[in-house]
Amino acid sequence: MGASHPEQELSLYDRSLLLDLDFSRSPAKFSPPISAANPGEPWMKVRPLQTGDFHRGFLQILSQLTSVGDVSLAQFLNRFAQMRASGDYYVTVIVDSRYDKIIGSATLVLEHKFIHGCSVRGRLEDVVVDDTYRGKQLGKLIVVTVSLLAQRLGCYKMSLDCKDKLIPFYKSIGYVLEPGNANTMNIRYEQSNSLAANRTAANEPPEINDPS
């Protein structure tokens, strides 16, 4: 799956943001306990999307969620560069290092608002876990990871849209239905010292399916 990669790959964002996420702040329950830093298996790693992930089956894992189309390497790298330059896309993946392949993914997208004091809202998109790896809490792991990342980046809330059958799953990790808005769910965060708040004050840009 992951034959030839460039010697130096670019990451979509700084992986250190994932390593100090406090999973005790999430209402999600893991048994046994796992986190982005310790995902439960020595061969498993949670990290940002990288340029070499085109060859690790990233698009193939997305195709388990929806239609991807015939995306070339050049198209992938161009879109990767656009996302990285914007600083608002946090595509996060789970890798099986034994086979050097992507087995799960979720995306946090930042929306910059005028409301709430020019605050930032996060949106959860494109959550998928490889069918053959279900039952290892990976869906919960990847969603909680990007949800905590949204809080770490100073989002005042994180929103998602999901199918009816997934509502209990998202409720179990802290999301609540938005009254009168179909299957839109939100999780709200208390405003505290955060990267985004500091960036806003400094007028700086941000740094760069059926889960079970």
C-alpha atoms as a PDB file:
ATOM      1  CA  MET A   1       0.000   0.000   0.000  1.00  0.00           C
ATOM      2  CA  GLY A   2       2.750   2.468   0.933  1.00  0.00           C
ATOM      3  CA  ALA A   3       5.552   1.689  -1.491  1.00  0.00           C
ATOM      4  CA  SER A   4       7.529   4.804  -2.419  1.00  0.00           C
ATOM      5  CA  HIS A   5       7.123   8.016  -0.426  1.00  0.00           C
ATOM      6  CA  PRO A   6       9.169  11.196  -0.497  1.00  0.00           C
ATOM      7  CA  GLU A   7      11.972  11.185   2.066  1.00  0.00           C
ATOM      8  CA  GLN A   8      10.488  14.252   3.734  1.00  0.00           C
ATOM      9  CA  GLU A   9       6.718  14.492   3.931  1.00  0.00           C
ATOM     10  CA  LEU A  10       4.721  17.542   4.874  1.00  0.00           C
ATOM     11  CA  SER A  11       2.089  17.350   7.601  1.00  0.00           C
ATOM     12  CA  LEU A  12      -1.135  19.297   7.291  1.00  0.00           C
ATOM     13  CA  TYR A  13      -0.598  20.748  10.776  1.00  0.00           C
ATOM     14  CA  ASP A  14       1.659  20.392  13.794  1.00  0.00           C
ATOM     15  CA  ARG A  15       1.262  16.919  15.343  1.00  0.00           C
ATOM     16  CA  SER A  16       2.270  18.235  18.777  1.00  0.00           C
ATOM     17  CA  LEU A  17      -1.250  19.685  19.028  1.00  0.00           C
ATOM     18  CA  LEU A  18      -2.561  16.113  19.340  1.00  0.00           C
ATOM     19  CA  LEU A  19      -0.108  14.819  21.897  1.00  0.00           C
ATOM     20  CA  ASP A  20      -1.237  16.939  24.843  1.00  0.00           C
ATOM     21  CA  LEU A  21      -5.013  16.646  24.344  1.00  0.00           C
ATOM     22  CA  ASP A  22      -6.695  15.920  27.689  1.00  0.00           C
ATOM     23  CA  PHE A  23      -9.106  13.043  27.061  1.00  0.00           C
ATOM     24  CA  SER A  24     -10.453  13.343  30.621  1.00  0.00           C
ATOM     25  CA  ARG A  25     -12.256  16.500  29.444  1.00  0.00           C
ATOM     26  CA  SER A  26     -14.458  14.458  27.107  1.00  0.00           C
ATOM     27  CA  PRO A  27     -17.618  12.712  28.389  1.00  0.00           C
ATOM     28  CA  ALA A  28     -16.729   9.768  26.141  1.00  0.00           C
ATOM     29  CA  LYS A  29     -15.902   6.546  27.961  1.00  0.00           C
ATOM     30  CA  PHE A  30     -13.141   4.303  26.648  1.00  0.00           C
ATOM     31  CA  SER A  31     -12.667   0.741  27.873  1.00  0.00           C
ATOM     32  CA  PRO A  32      -9.766   0.175  27.991  1.00  0.00           C
ATOM     33  CA  PRO A  33      -8.639   3.819  28.141  1.00  0.00           C
ATOM     34  CA  ILE A  34      -7.043   5.130  24.943  1.00  0.00           C
ATOM     35  CA  SER A  35      -6.053   8.544  23.598  1.00  0.00           C
ATOM     36  CA  ALA A  36      -4.501  10.201  20.552  1.00  0.00           C
ATOM     37  CA  ALA A  37      -1.067   9.810  22.166  1.00  0.00           C
ATOM     38  CA  ASN A  38      -1.751   6.187  23.206  1.00  0.00           C
ATOM     39  CA  PRO A  39      -4.325   4.715  20.807  1.00  0.00           C
ATOM     40  CA  GLY A  40      -4.264   1.230  22.309  1.00  0.00           C
ATOM     41  CA  GLU A  41      -1.940  -0.703  19.994  1.00  0.00           C
ATOM     42  CA  PRO A  42       1.806  -0.198  19.454  1.00  0.00           C
ATOM     43  CA  TRP A  43       1.286  -0.337  15.690  1.00  0.00           C
ATOM     44  CA  MET A  44      -1.356   2.372  15.668  1.00  0.00           C
ATOM     45  CA  LYS A  45      -0.675   6.112  15.308  1.00  0.00           C
ATOM     46  CA  VAL A  46      -2.970   9.144  15.299  1.00  0.00           C
ATOM     47  CA  ARG A  47      -1.488  12.043  13.348  1.00  0.00           C
ATOM     48  CA  PRO A  48      -2.212  14.816  10.830  1.00  0.00           C
ATOM     49  CA  LEU A  49      -2.689  13.969   7.167  1.00  0.00           C
ATOM     50  CA  GLN A  50       0.621  13.880   5.286  1.00  0.00           C
ATOM     51  CA  THR A  51       1.551  14.316   1.638  1.00  0.00           C
ATOM     52  CA  GLY A  52       2.505  10.631   1.347  1.00  0.00           C
ATOM     53  CA  ASP A  53      -0.937   9.474   2.472  1.00  0.00           C
ATOM     54  CA  PHE A  54      -2.105   9.463  -1.125  1.00  0.00           C
ATOM     55  CA  HIS A  55      -0.100   6.225  -1.385  1.00  0.00           C
ATOM     56  CA  ARG A  56      -1.331   4.919   1.976  1.00  0.00           C
ATOM     57  CA  GLY A  57      -4.940   4.590   0.891  1.00  0.00           C
ATOM     58  CA  PHE A  58      -6.347   7.858   2.216  1.00  0.00           C
ATOM     59  CA  LEU A  59      -8.715   8.283  -0.723  1.00  0.00           C
ATOM     60  CA  GLN A  60      -9.671   4.618  -0.554  1.00  0.00           C
ATOM     61  CA  ILE A  61     -10.714   4.977   3.095  1.00  0.00           C
ATOM     62  CA  LEU A  62     -12.813   8.022   2.159  1.00  0.00           C
ATOM     63  CA  SER A  63     -14.491   5.930  -0.541  1.00  0.00           C
ATOM     64  CA  GLN A  64     -15.983   3.777   2.244  1.00  0.00           C
ATOM     65  CA  LEU A  65     -17.860   6.941   3.255  1.00  0.00           C
ATOM     66  CA  THR A  66     -18.864   8.502  -0.063  1.00  0.00           C
ATOM     67  CA  SER A  67     -17.907   8.860  -3.725  1.00  0.00           C
ATOM     68  CA  VAL A  68     -14.385  10.236  -4.136  1.00  0.00           C
ATOM     69  CA  GLY A  69     -13.908  10.219  -7.890  1.00  0.00           C
ATOM     70  CA  ASP A  70     -10.731   9.737  -9.883  1.00  0.00           C
ATOM     71  CA  VAL A  71      -8.310  12.000  -7.994  1.00  0.00           C
ATOM     72  CA  SER A  72      -4.746  12.146  -9.296  1.00  0.00           C
ATOM     73  CA  LEU A  73      -1.628  12.589  -7.165  1.00  0.00           C
ATOM     74  CA  ALA A  74      -1.221  16.106  -8.556  1.00  0.00           C
ATOM     75  CA  GLN A  75      -4.785  17.001  -7.593  1.00  0.00           C
ATOM     76  CA  PHE A  76      -4.298  15.551  -4.113  1.00  0.00           C
ATOM     77  CA  LEU A  77      -1.090  17.509  -3.523  1.00  0.00           C
ATOM     78  CA  ASN A  78      -2.631  20.718  -4.841  1.00  0.00           C
ATOM     79  CA  ARG A  79      -5.626  20.427  -2.515  1.00  0.00           C
ATOM     80  CA  PHE A  80      -3.308  19.481   0.376  1.00  0.00           C
ATOM     81  CA  ALA A  81      -1.239  22.630  -0.261  1.00  0.00           C
ATOM     82  CA  GLN A  82      -4.366  24.804  -0.351  1.00  0.00           C
ATOM     83  CA  MET A  83      -5.636  23.364   2.933  1.00  0.00           C
ATOM     84  CA  ARG A  84      -2.254  23.695   4.610  1.00  0.00           C
ATOM     85  CA  ALA A  85      -1.849  27.293   3.478  1.00  0.00           C
ATOM     86  CA  SER A  86      -5.273  28.272   4.818  1.00  0.00           C
ATOM     87  CA  GLY A  87      -4.525  26.897   8.299  1.00  0.00           C
ATOM     88  CA  ASP A  88      -8.219  26.059   8.773  1.00  0.00           C
ATOM     89  CA  TYR A  89      -8.226  22.345   7.906  1.00  0.00           C
ATOM     90  CA  TYR A  90      -7.236  19.668  10.402  1.00  0.00           C
ATOM     91  CA  VAL A  91      -7.571  16.347   8.605  1.00  0.00           C
ATOM     92  CA  THR A  92      -6.549  13.744  11.177  1.00  0.00           C
ATOM     93  CA  VAL A  93      -5.864  10.089  10.411  1.00  0.00           C
ATOM     94  CA  ILE A  94      -5.220   6.782  12.129  1.00  0.00           C
ATOM     95  CA  VAL A  95      -2.407   4.713  10.629  1.00  0.00           C
ATOM     96  CA  ASP A  96      -1.689   0.992  10.873  1.00  0.00           C
ATOM     97  CA  SER A  97       2.110   1.129  10.802  1.00  0.00           C
ATOM     98  CA  ARG A  98       2.385  -2.638  10.211  1.00  0.00           C
ATOM     99  CA  TYR A  99       1.008  -2.162   6.711  1.00  0.00           C
ATOM    100  CA  ASP A 100       1.696   1.577   6.351  1.00  0.00           C
ATOM    101  CA  LYS A 101      -1.939   2.325   5.551  1.00  0.00           C
ATOM    102  CA  ILE A 102      -4.651   4.718   6.658  1.00  0.00           C
ATOM    103  CA  ILE A 103      -7.434   3.010   8.640  1.00  0.00           C
ATOM    104  CA  GLY A 104      -9.454   5.976   9.861  1.00  0.00           C
ATOM    105  CA  SER A 105      -9.949   9.679   9.322  1.00  0.00           C
ATOM    106  CA  ALA A 106     -11.906  12.737  10.463  1.00  0.00           C
ATOM    107  CA  THR A 107     -11.723  16.399   9.497  1.00  0.00           C
ATOM    108  CA  LEU A 108     -12.041  19.517  11.626  1.00  0.00           C
ATOM    109  CA  VAL A 109     -12.791  22.656   9.605  1.00  0.00           C
ATOM    110  CA  LEU A 110     -12.564  26.078  11.272  1.00  0.00           C
ATOM    111  CA  GLU A 111     -15.175  28.720  10.429  1.00  0.00           C
ATOM    112  CA  HIS A 112     -14.275  32.295  11.372  1.00  0.00           C
ATOM    113  CA  LYS A 113     -17.256  34.325  12.642  1.00  0.00           C
ATOM    114  CA  PHE A 114     -18.117  37.906  13.494  1.00  0.00           C
ATOM    115  CA  ILE A 115     -20.519  36.671  16.189  1.00  0.00           C
ATOM    116  CA  HIS A 116     -19.440  35.754  19.720  1.00  0.00           C
ATOM    117  CA  GLY A 117     -16.697  38.360  19.610  1.00  0.00           C
ATOM    118  CA  CYS A 118     -15.219  37.235  16.276  1.00  0.00           C
ATOM    119  CA  SER A 119     -15.027  33.675  17.532  1.00  0.00           C
ATOM    120  CA  VAL A 120     -14.411  30.406  15.675  1.00  0.00           C
ATOM    121  CA  ARG A 121     -16.751  27.468  15.137  1.00  0.00           C
ATOM    122  CA  GLY A 122     -15.519  23.990  14.305  1.00  0.00           C
ATOM    123  CA  ARG A 123     -17.235  21.613  11.917  1.00  0.00           C
ATOM    124  CA  LEU A 124     -16.752  17.854  12.023  1.00  0.00           C
ATOM    125  CA  GLU A 125     -16.646  16.303   8.552  1.00  0.00           C
ATOM    126  CA  ASP A 126     -15.796  13.048   6.764  1.00  0.00           C
ATOM    127  CA  VAL A 127     -15.616  10.630   9.707  1.00  0.00           C
ATOM    128  CA  VAL A 128     -14.728   7.126   8.579  1.00  0.00           C
ATOM    129  CA  VAL A 129     -13.070   3.991   9.978  1.00  0.00           C
ATOM    130  CA  ASP A 130     -12.005   1.024   7.857  1.00  0.00           C
ATOM    131  CA  ASP A 131     -14.649  -1.711   8.026  1.00  0.00           C
ATOM    132  CA  THR A 132     -12.098  -4.332   9.061  1.00  0.00           C
ATOM    133  CA  TYR A 133     -10.986  -2.330  12.121  1.00  0.00           C
ATOM    134  CA  ARG A 134     -14.392  -1.748  13.691  1.00  0.00           C
ATOM    135  CA  GLY A 135     -14.779  -2.712  17.350  1.00  0.00           C
ATOM    136  CA  LYS A 136     -11.478  -1.143  18.461  1.00  0.00           C
ATOM    137  CA  GLN A 137     -13.078   2.162  19.587  1.00  0.00           C
ATOM    138  CA  LEU A 138     -11.443   3.887  16.623  1.00  0.00           C
ATOM    139  CA  GLY A 139     -14.542   5.813  15.557  1.00  0.00           C
ATOM    140  CA  LYS A 140     -14.872   7.202  19.046  1.00  0.00           C
ATOM    141  CA  LEU A 141     -11.121   7.852  19.220  1.00  0.00           C
ATOM    142  CA  ILE A 142     -10.931   9.878  16.001  1.00  0.00           C
ATOM    143  CA  VAL A 143     -14.066  11.913  16.771  1.00  0.00           C
ATOM    144  CA  VAL A 144     -13.010  12.712  20.339  1.00  0.00           C
ATOM    145  CA  THR A 145      -9.531  13.609  19.085  1.00  0.00           C
ATOM    146  CA  VAL A 146     -10.749  16.242  16.615  1.00  0.00           C
ATOM    147  CA  SER A 147     -13.411  17.457  19.064  1.00  0.00           C
ATOM    148  CA  LEU A 148     -10.782  18.079  21.736  1.00  0.00           C
ATOM    149  CA  LEU A 149      -8.569  19.650  19.084  1.00  0.00           C
ATOM    150  CA  ALA A 150     -11.385  22.081  18.249  1.00  0.00           C
ATOM    151  CA  GLN A 151     -11.550  23.057  21.903  1.00  0.00           C
ATOM    152  CA  ARG A 152      -7.767  23.356  22.049  1.00  0.00           C
ATOM    153  CA  LEU A 153      -7.878  25.745  19.079  1.00  0.00           C
ATOM    154  CA  GLY A 154     -10.450  27.944  20.804  1.00  0.00           C
ATOM    155  CA  CYS A 155     -13.684  27.015  19.013  1.00  0.00           C
ATOM    156  CA  TYR A 156     -16.791  28.079  20.910  1.00  0.00           C
ATOM    157  CA  LYS A 157     -18.614  25.014  19.575  1.00  0.00           C
ATOM    158  CA  MET A 158     -18.233  22.045  17.236  1.00  0.00           C
ATOM    159  CA  SER A 159     -21.058  21.107  14.855  1.00  0.00           C
ATOM    160  CA  LEU A 160     -21.881  18.089  12.715  1.00  0.00           C
ATOM    161  CA  ASP A 161     -24.673  16.623  10.624  1.00  0.00           C
ATOM    162  CA  CYS A 162     -25.346  12.898  10.860  1.00  0.00           C
ATOM    163  CA  LYS A 163     -27.788  10.142   9.969  1.00  0.00           C
ATOM    164  CA  ASP A 164     -30.482   9.080  12.444  1.00  0.00           C
ATOM    165  CA  LYS A 165     -28.696   5.852  13.325  1.00  0.00           C
ATOM    166  CA  LEU A 166     -25.581   7.733  14.452  1.00  0.00           C
ATOM    167  CA  ILE A 167     -27.330  10.113  16.863  1.00  0.00           C
ATOM    168  CA  PRO A 168     -26.872   7.783  19.905  1.00  0.00           C
ATOM    169  CA  PHE A 169     -23.163   7.430  19.108  1.00  0.00           C
ATOM    170  CA  TYR A 170     -22.582  11.179  19.019  1.00  0.00           C
ATOM    171  CA  LYS A 171     -24.744  11.738  22.092  1.00  0.00           C
ATOM    172  CA  SER A 172     -22.509   9.287  23.985  1.00  0.00           C
ATOM    173  CA  ILE A 173     -19.494  11.515  23.402  1.00  0.00           C
ATOM    174  CA  GLY A 174     -21.131  14.803  24.359  1.00  0.00           C
ATOM    175  CA  TYR A 175     -22.940  16.093  21.288  1.00  0.00           C
ATOM    176  CA  VAL A 176     -26.544  17.283  21.601  1.00  0.00           C
ATOM    177  CA  LEU A 177     -29.205  17.792  18.950  1.00  0.00           C
ATOM    178  CA  GLU A 178     -29.881  21.375  17.940  1.00  0.00           C
ATOM    179  CA  PRO A 179     -33.617  22.003  18.478  1.00  0.00           C
ATOM    180  CA  GLY A 180     -35.531  22.503  15.244  1.00  0.00           C
ATOM    181  CA  ASN A 181     -32.541  21.806  13.006  1.00  0.00           C
ATOM    182  CA  ALA A 182     -32.943  18.225  11.778  1.00  0.00           C
ATOM    183  CA  ASN A 183     -29.877  16.120  12.602  1.00  0.00           C
ATOM    184  CA  THR A 184     -27.482  18.943  13.376  1.00  0.00           C
ATOM    185  CA  MET A 185     -25.614  18.255  16.616  1.00  0.00           C
ATOM    186  CA  ASN A 186     -23.306  20.498  18.637  1.00  0.00           C
ATOM    187  CA  ILE A 187     -20.882  20.341  21.501  1.00  0.00           C
ATOM    188  CA  ARG A 188     -20.156  23.681  23.217  1.00  0.00           C
ATOM    189  CA  TYR A 189     -16.939  24.654  24.946  1.00  0.00           C
ATOM    190  CA  GLU A 190     -16.237  27.048  27.754  1.00  0.00           C
ATOM    191  CA  GLN A 191     -14.043  29.897  26.573  1.00  0.00           C
ATOM    192  CA  SER A 192     -10.645  29.818  28.228  1.00  0.00           C
ATOM    193  CA  ASN A 193      -7.033  30.497  27.388  1.00  0.00           C
ATOM    194  CA  SER A 194      -6.750  29.038  23.907  1.00  0.00           C
ATOM    195  CA  LEU A 195      -4.598  29.167  20.816  1.00  0.00           C
ATOM    196  CA  ALA A 196      -7.337  30.758  18.733  1.00  0.00           C
ATOM    197  CA  ALA A 197      -8.048  33.462  21.311  1.00  0.00           C
ATOM    198  CA  ASN A 198      -4.372  34.320  21.438  1.00  0.00           C
ATOM    199  CA  ARG A 199      -4.131  34.318  17.644  1.00  0.00           C
ATOM    200  CA  THR A 200      -7.173  36.586  17.300  1.00  0.00           C
ATOM    201  CA  ALA A 201      -5.669  39.057  19.738  1.00  0.00           C
ATOM    202  CA  ALA A 202      -2.371  38.996  17.839  1.00  0.00           C
ATOM    203  CA  ASN A 203      -4.116  39.055  14.449  1.00  0.00           C
ATOM    204  CA  GLU A 204      -2.234  35.892  13.470  1.00  0.00           C
ATOM    205  CA  PRO A 205      -3.475  32.947  11.353  1.00  0.00           C
ATOM    206  CA  PRO A 206      -3.813  29.475  12.940  1.00  0.00           C
ATOM    207  CA  GLU A 207      -0.840  27.147  12.968  1.00  0.00           C
ATOM    208  CA  ILE A 208      -0.278  24.958  10.876  1.00  0.00           C
ATOM    209  CA  ASN A 209     -19.462   5.119   8.215  1.00  0.00           C
ATOM    210  CA  ASP A 210     -20.591   3.980  11.196  1.00  0.00           C
ATOM    211  CA  PRO A 211     -18.152   4.647  13.966  1.00  0.00           C
ATOM    212  CA  SER A 212     -17.914   2.220  16.842  1.00  0.00           C
END
